[in-house]
């Protein structure tokens, strides 16, 4: 194995470790775990010696995956946490609208009052 092959293999191994860690964490990171694992498998196919062997027709080119699918090693929780609930957004927009209209009326009333003097 050449030094370039070792470098590519280490990078693929590191990427695979990141994918496994993401699968264990759950949430958004778990959604990225499978694509990262696929990238690690693809990176292993990019070893310079394998590319040279395929170019010469000596290596297989059927495209079967090197690594299997990523699965979390710990059981995932059954229920998701309920997101924090805040005030209703429509209520906030309504209050802001009423406050804006009231402020505009007050400003208009004040400016017209001074114009008459």
N, C-alpha and C. Protein backbone atom coordinates (compact mmCIF):
# COMPACT_ATOMS: atom_id res chain seq x y z
N UNK A 1 0.85 -1.17 0.00
CA UNK A 1 0.00 0.00 0.00
C UNK A 1 0.90 1.24 0.00
N UNK A 2 0.63 2.14 -0.90
CA UNK A 2 1.45 3.34 -1.00
C UNK A 2 1.07 4.35 0.07
N UNK A 3 1.91 5.39 0.19
CA UNK A 3 1.65 6.42 1.19
C UNK A 3 0.36 7.17 0.86
N UNK A 4 0.10 7.40 -0.42
CA UNK A 4 -1.14 8.07 -0.82
C UNK A 4 -2.36 7.21 -0.48
N UNK A 5 -2.24 5.89 -0.66
CA UNK A 5 -3.33 4.98 -0.30
C UNK A 5 -3.61 5.03 1.21
N UNK A 6 -2.53 5.09 1.99
CA UNK A 6 -2.69 5.16 3.44
C UNK A 6 -3.38 6.46 3.85
N UNK A 7 -3.00 7.55 3.19
CA UNK A 7 -3.61 8.84 3.49
C UNK A 7 -5.11 8.83 3.19
N UNK A 8 -5.48 8.28 2.03
CA UNK A 8 -6.89 8.20 1.65
C UNK A 8 -7.64 7.27 2.61
N UNK A 9 -7.00 6.17 3.00
CA UNK A 9 -7.63 5.22 3.91
C UNK A 9 -7.86 5.84 5.29
N UNK A 10 -6.89 6.60 5.77
CA UNK A 10 -7.05 7.28 7.06
C UNK A 10 -8.19 8.30 7.00
N UNK A 11 -8.25 9.04 5.90
CA UNK A 11 -9.33 10.03 5.74
C UNK A 11 -10.69 9.34 5.72
N UNK A 12 -10.79 8.21 5.02
CA UNK A 12 -12.05 7.48 4.96
C UNK A 12 -12.42 6.91 6.33
N UNK A 13 -11.43 6.43 7.06
CA UNK A 13 -11.68 5.90 8.40
C UNK A 13 -12.17 7.01 9.33
N UNK A 14 -11.55 8.18 9.23
CA UNK A 14 -11.96 9.31 10.07
C UNK A 14 -13.38 9.74 9.71
N UNK A 15 -13.69 9.78 8.44
CA UNK A 15 -15.03 10.15 8.00
C UNK A 15 -16.06 9.14 8.50
N UNK A 16 -15.70 7.89 8.49
CA UNK A 16 -16.58 6.82 8.98
C UNK A 16 -16.83 6.97 10.48
N UNK A 17 -15.77 7.34 11.23
CA UNK A 17 -15.92 7.56 12.67
C UNK A 17 -16.87 8.73 12.94
N UNK A 18 -16.74 9.78 12.15
CA UNK A 18 -17.63 10.94 12.30
C UNK A 18 -19.07 10.53 12.00
N UNK A 19 -19.26 9.69 10.99
CA UNK A 19 -20.61 9.22 10.65
C UNK A 19 -21.20 8.39 11.78
N UNK A 20 -20.39 7.52 12.38
CA UNK A 20 -20.88 6.71 13.50
C UNK A 20 -21.23 7.57 14.70
N UNK A 21 -20.41 8.58 14.96
CA UNK A 21 -20.68 9.48 16.08
C UNK A 21 -21.97 10.26 15.83
N UNK A 22 -22.16 10.71 14.60
CA UNK A 22 -23.38 11.45 14.26
C UNK A 22 -24.61 10.55 14.39
N UNK A 23 -24.49 9.28 14.04
CA UNK A 23 -25.62 8.36 14.16
C UNK A 23 -25.99 8.13 15.62
N UNK A 24 -25.00 8.11 16.49
CA UNK A 24 -25.27 7.92 17.92
C UNK A 24 -25.93 9.14 18.54
N UNK A 25 -25.60 10.34 18.05
CA UNK A 25 -26.14 11.57 18.64
C UNK A 25 -27.62 11.74 18.38
N UNK A 26 -28.09 11.32 17.23
CA UNK A 26 -29.50 11.48 16.90
C UNK A 26 -29.79 12.88 16.40
N UNK A 27 -31.04 13.15 16.10
CA UNK A 27 -31.46 14.47 15.63
C UNK A 27 -30.99 14.76 14.22
N UNK A 28 -30.62 16.01 13.99
CA UNK A 28 -30.17 16.45 12.67
C UNK A 28 -28.87 15.75 12.30
N UNK A 29 -28.00 15.54 13.26
CA UNK A 29 -26.72 14.88 12.99
C UNK A 29 -26.94 13.45 12.48
N UNK A 30 -27.96 12.77 12.99
CA UNK A 30 -28.23 11.40 12.55
C UNK A 30 -28.68 11.37 11.09
N UNK A 31 -29.33 12.44 10.65
CA UNK A 31 -29.75 12.50 9.25
C UNK A 31 -28.54 12.62 8.33
N UNK A 32 -27.46 13.18 8.83
CA UNK A 32 -26.25 13.34 8.02
C UNK A 32 -25.34 12.11 8.09
N UNK A 33 -25.63 11.18 8.97
CA UNK A 33 -24.74 10.03 9.18
C UNK A 33 -24.64 9.15 7.95
N UNK A 34 -25.76 8.82 7.34
CA UNK A 34 -25.72 7.93 6.18
C UNK A 34 -24.98 8.55 4.99
N UNK A 35 -25.25 9.82 4.65
CA UNK A 35 -24.46 10.41 3.56
C UNK A 35 -22.96 10.46 3.86
N UNK A 36 -22.61 10.69 5.13
CA UNK A 36 -21.19 10.68 5.49
C UNK A 36 -20.59 9.29 5.33
N UNK A 37 -21.34 8.27 5.70
CA UNK A 37 -20.86 6.90 5.53
C UNK A 37 -20.70 6.56 4.05
N UNK A 38 -21.64 7.04 3.23
CA UNK A 38 -21.52 6.82 1.79
C UNK A 38 -20.29 7.53 1.23
N UNK A 39 -20.02 8.72 1.75
CA UNK A 39 -18.83 9.45 1.31
C UNK A 39 -17.55 8.72 1.71
N UNK A 40 -17.55 8.12 2.89
CA UNK A 40 -16.38 7.36 3.34
C UNK A 40 -16.15 6.15 2.42
N UNK A 41 -17.23 5.47 2.04
CA UNK A 41 -17.10 4.33 1.13
C UNK A 41 -16.59 4.78 -0.24
N UNK A 42 -17.10 5.92 -0.70
CA UNK A 42 -16.65 6.44 -1.99
C UNK A 42 -15.19 6.87 -1.93
N UNK A 43 -14.79 7.45 -0.80
CA UNK A 43 -13.40 7.89 -0.67
C UNK A 43 -12.44 6.71 -0.72
N UNK A 44 -12.85 5.58 -0.16
CA UNK A 44 -12.00 4.39 -0.22
C UNK A 44 -11.79 3.92 -1.67
N UNK A 45 -12.77 4.18 -2.52
CA UNK A 45 -12.64 3.80 -3.93
C UNK A 45 -11.69 4.70 -4.68
N UNK A 46 -11.31 5.82 -4.08
CA UNK A 46 -10.45 6.79 -4.75
C UNK A 46 -8.97 6.60 -4.41
N UNK A 47 -8.61 5.46 -3.86
CA UNK A 47 -7.20 5.20 -3.61
C UNK A 47 -6.46 5.19 -4.96
N UNK A 48 -5.32 5.83 -5.01
CA UNK A 48 -4.58 5.90 -6.29
C UNK A 48 -4.24 4.53 -6.87
N UNK A 49 -3.91 3.56 -6.03
CA UNK A 49 -3.57 2.24 -6.56
C UNK A 49 -4.80 1.56 -7.16
N UNK A 50 -5.99 1.76 -6.57
CA UNK A 50 -7.22 1.18 -7.12
C UNK A 50 -7.61 1.86 -8.42
N UNK A 51 -7.41 3.17 -8.49
CA UNK A 51 -7.70 3.89 -9.73
C UNK A 51 -6.80 3.38 -10.85
N UNK A 52 -5.52 3.19 -10.53
CA UNK A 52 -4.58 2.67 -11.53
C UNK A 52 -4.95 1.25 -11.97
N UNK A 53 -5.34 0.42 -11.01
CA UNK A 53 -5.72 -0.96 -11.34
C UNK A 53 -6.98 -0.98 -12.21
N UNK A 54 -7.95 -0.10 -11.90
CA UNK A 54 -9.16 -0.04 -12.72
C UNK A 54 -8.85 0.47 -14.12
N UNK A 55 -7.93 1.40 -14.21
CA UNK A 55 -7.56 1.93 -15.52
C UNK A 55 -6.91 0.85 -16.38
N UNK A 56 -6.17 -0.04 -15.74
CA UNK A 56 -5.53 -1.14 -16.47
C UNK A 56 -6.48 -2.31 -16.70
N UNK A 57 -7.66 -2.27 -16.06
CA UNK A 57 -8.63 -3.35 -16.22
C UNK A 57 -8.41 -4.51 -15.28
N UNK A 58 -7.63 -4.30 -14.21
CA UNK A 58 -7.29 -5.38 -13.28
C UNK A 58 -8.20 -5.42 -12.04
N UNK A 59 -8.94 -4.36 -11.78
CA UNK A 59 -9.78 -4.31 -10.57
C UNK A 59 -11.24 -4.37 -10.97
N UNK A 60 -12.08 -4.79 -10.03
CA UNK A 60 -13.50 -4.87 -10.32
C UNK A 60 -14.10 -3.46 -10.38
N UNK A 61 -15.12 -3.32 -11.17
CA UNK A 61 -15.76 -2.02 -11.35
C UNK A 61 -17.27 -2.12 -11.18
N UNK A 62 -17.72 -3.12 -10.41
CA UNK A 62 -19.16 -3.32 -10.27
C UNK A 62 -19.81 -2.33 -9.31
N UNK A 63 -19.02 -1.57 -8.56
CA UNK A 63 -19.57 -0.52 -7.71
C UNK A 63 -20.23 -0.99 -6.44
N UNK A 64 -19.93 -2.19 -5.95
CA UNK A 64 -20.52 -2.65 -4.70
C UNK A 64 -19.90 -1.88 -3.54
N UNK A 65 -20.69 -1.53 -2.54
CA UNK A 65 -20.16 -0.72 -1.45
C UNK A 65 -19.15 -1.48 -0.61
N UNK A 66 -18.16 -0.74 -0.13
CA UNK A 66 -17.13 -1.32 0.71
C UNK A 66 -17.63 -1.42 2.14
N UNK A 67 -18.26 -0.36 2.62
CA UNK A 67 -18.77 -0.32 3.99
C UNK A 67 -20.28 -0.52 3.99
N UNK A 68 -20.81 -1.02 5.09
CA UNK A 68 -22.25 -1.18 5.22
C UNK A 68 -22.92 0.10 5.65
N UNK A 69 -24.19 0.03 5.88
CA UNK A 69 -24.95 1.20 6.30
C UNK A 69 -24.65 1.51 7.76
N UNK A 70 -24.78 2.75 8.11
CA UNK A 70 -24.55 3.18 9.48
C UNK A 70 -25.82 2.99 10.29
N UNK A 71 -25.68 2.42 11.46
CA UNK A 71 -26.83 2.31 12.34
C UNK A 71 -26.40 2.76 13.73
N UNK A 72 -27.26 3.41 14.46
CA UNK A 72 -26.88 3.88 15.79
C UNK A 72 -26.62 2.70 16.71
N UNK A 73 -25.59 2.83 17.54
CA UNK A 73 -25.25 1.73 18.44
C UNK A 73 -26.10 1.75 19.71
N UNK A 74 -26.69 2.90 20.01
CA UNK A 74 -27.54 3.01 21.20
C UNK A 74 -29.00 3.14 20.76
N UNK A 75 -29.92 2.65 21.57
CA UNK A 75 -31.33 2.80 21.19
C UNK A 75 -31.72 4.27 21.18
N UNK A 76 -32.55 4.62 20.24
CA UNK A 76 -33.01 6.00 20.11
C UNK A 76 -34.22 6.22 21.00
N UNK A 77 -34.37 7.41 21.56
CA UNK A 77 -35.53 7.67 22.41
C UNK A 77 -36.82 7.60 21.60
N UNK A 78 -37.88 7.14 22.24
CA UNK A 78 -39.15 6.97 21.56
C UNK A 78 -39.89 8.26 21.29
N UNK A 79 -39.86 9.18 22.21
CA UNK A 79 -40.59 10.42 22.05
C UNK A 79 -39.60 11.57 21.86
N UNK A 80 -40.02 12.51 21.04
CA UNK A 80 -39.23 13.71 20.87
C UNK A 80 -39.67 14.73 21.91
N UNK A 81 -38.73 15.59 22.25
CA UNK A 81 -39.09 16.65 23.18
C UNK A 81 -39.99 17.66 22.48
N UNK A 82 -40.94 18.16 23.21
CA UNK A 82 -41.84 19.17 22.66
C UNK A 82 -41.07 20.49 22.60
N UNK A 83 -41.11 21.16 21.46
CA UNK A 83 -40.38 22.43 21.38
C UNK A 83 -40.99 23.46 22.33
N UNK A 84 -40.13 24.37 22.76
CA UNK A 84 -40.62 25.40 23.67
C UNK A 84 -41.68 26.22 22.97
N UNK A 85 -42.77 26.41 23.68
CA UNK A 85 -43.84 27.19 23.06
C UNK A 85 -43.75 28.62 23.57
N UNK A 86 -43.92 29.55 22.66
CA UNK A 86 -43.91 30.95 23.00
C UNK A 86 -45.26 31.54 22.68
N UNK A 87 -45.32 32.84 22.62
CA UNK A 87 -46.60 33.46 22.28
C UNK A 87 -46.97 33.15 20.83
N UNK A 88 -48.25 33.17 20.58
CA UNK A 88 -48.75 32.91 19.23
C UNK A 88 -48.22 34.00 18.29
N UNK A 89 -47.59 33.63 17.17
CA UNK A 89 -47.03 34.64 16.27
C UNK A 89 -48.09 35.60 15.72
N UNK A 90 -49.30 35.11 15.50
CA UNK A 90 -50.36 35.99 15.00
C UNK A 90 -50.73 37.04 16.05
N UNK A 91 -50.69 36.66 17.31
CA UNK A 91 -50.97 37.61 18.38
C UNK A 91 -49.89 38.69 18.42
N UNK A 92 -48.64 38.30 18.28
CA UNK A 92 -47.54 39.25 18.29
C UNK A 92 -47.66 40.22 17.12
N UNK A 93 -47.95 39.70 15.92
CA UNK A 93 -48.12 40.56 14.75
C UNK A 93 -49.31 41.49 14.93
N UNK A 94 -50.40 41.00 15.48
CA UNK A 94 -51.58 41.83 15.72
C UNK A 94 -51.30 42.96 16.69
N UNK A 95 -50.61 42.66 17.78
CA UNK A 95 -50.26 43.69 18.76
C UNK A 95 -49.33 44.72 18.13
N UNK A 96 -48.37 44.28 17.35
CA UNK A 96 -47.45 45.20 16.68
C UNK A 96 -48.20 46.09 15.70
N UNK A 97 -49.16 45.53 14.98
CA UNK A 97 -49.95 46.31 14.03
C UNK A 97 -50.77 47.38 14.74
N UNK A 98 -51.44 46.99 15.81
CA UNK A 98 -52.25 47.94 16.58
C UNK A 98 -51.36 49.04 17.17
N UNK A 99 -50.22 48.65 17.72
CA UNK A 99 -49.30 49.64 18.30
C UNK A 99 -48.76 50.58 17.22
N UNK A 100 -48.46 50.05 16.04
CA UNK A 100 -47.96 50.89 14.94
C UNK A 100 -48.99 51.88 14.46
N UNK A 101 -50.24 51.42 14.32
CA UNK A 101 -51.31 52.31 13.87
C UNK A 101 -51.56 53.39 14.93
N UNK A 102 -51.58 53.01 16.20
CA UNK A 102 -51.80 53.97 17.28
C UNK A 102 -50.67 55.00 17.32
N UNK A 103 -49.44 54.55 17.16
CA UNK A 103 -48.29 55.47 17.16
C UNK A 103 -48.37 56.43 15.97
N UNK A 104 -48.75 55.92 14.81
CA UNK A 104 -48.89 56.78 13.63
C UNK A 104 -49.97 57.83 13.84
N UNK A 105 -51.09 57.44 14.45
CA UNK A 105 -52.17 58.39 14.73
C UNK A 105 -51.72 59.47 15.71
N UNK A 106 -51.00 59.06 16.75
CA UNK A 106 -50.51 60.02 17.74
C UNK A 106 -49.53 61.00 17.10
N UNK A 107 -48.62 60.48 16.29
CA UNK A 107 -47.65 61.35 15.61
C UNK A 107 -48.37 62.31 14.67
N UNK A 108 -49.33 61.81 13.94
CA UNK A 108 -50.10 62.65 13.01
C UNK A 108 -50.88 63.71 13.78
N UNK A 109 -51.49 63.35 14.90
CA UNK A 109 -52.27 64.28 15.70
C UNK A 109 -51.37 65.38 16.26
N UNK A 110 -50.15 64.96 16.73
CA UNK A 110 -49.22 65.93 17.30
C UNK A 110 -48.71 66.90 16.23
N UNK A 111 -48.39 66.38 15.03
CA UNK A 111 -47.85 67.26 13.99
C UNK A 111 -48.92 68.19 13.46
N UNK A 112 -50.15 67.76 13.36
CA UNK A 112 -51.23 68.64 12.89
C UNK A 112 -51.57 69.69 13.96
N UNK A 113 -51.44 69.32 15.20
CA UNK A 113 -51.72 70.26 16.28
C UNK A 113 -50.75 71.43 16.26
N UNK A 114 -49.47 71.16 15.98
CA UNK A 114 -48.47 72.21 15.92
C UNK A 114 -48.59 73.03 14.64
N UNK A 115 -49.17 72.47 13.60
CA UNK A 115 -49.30 73.20 12.33
C UNK A 115 -50.35 74.30 12.44
N UNK A 116 -51.31 74.16 13.32
CA UNK A 116 -52.36 75.15 13.46
C UNK A 116 -51.90 76.38 14.25
N UNK A 117 -50.85 76.27 15.01
CA UNK A 117 -50.40 77.39 15.86
C UNK A 117 -49.81 78.52 15.09
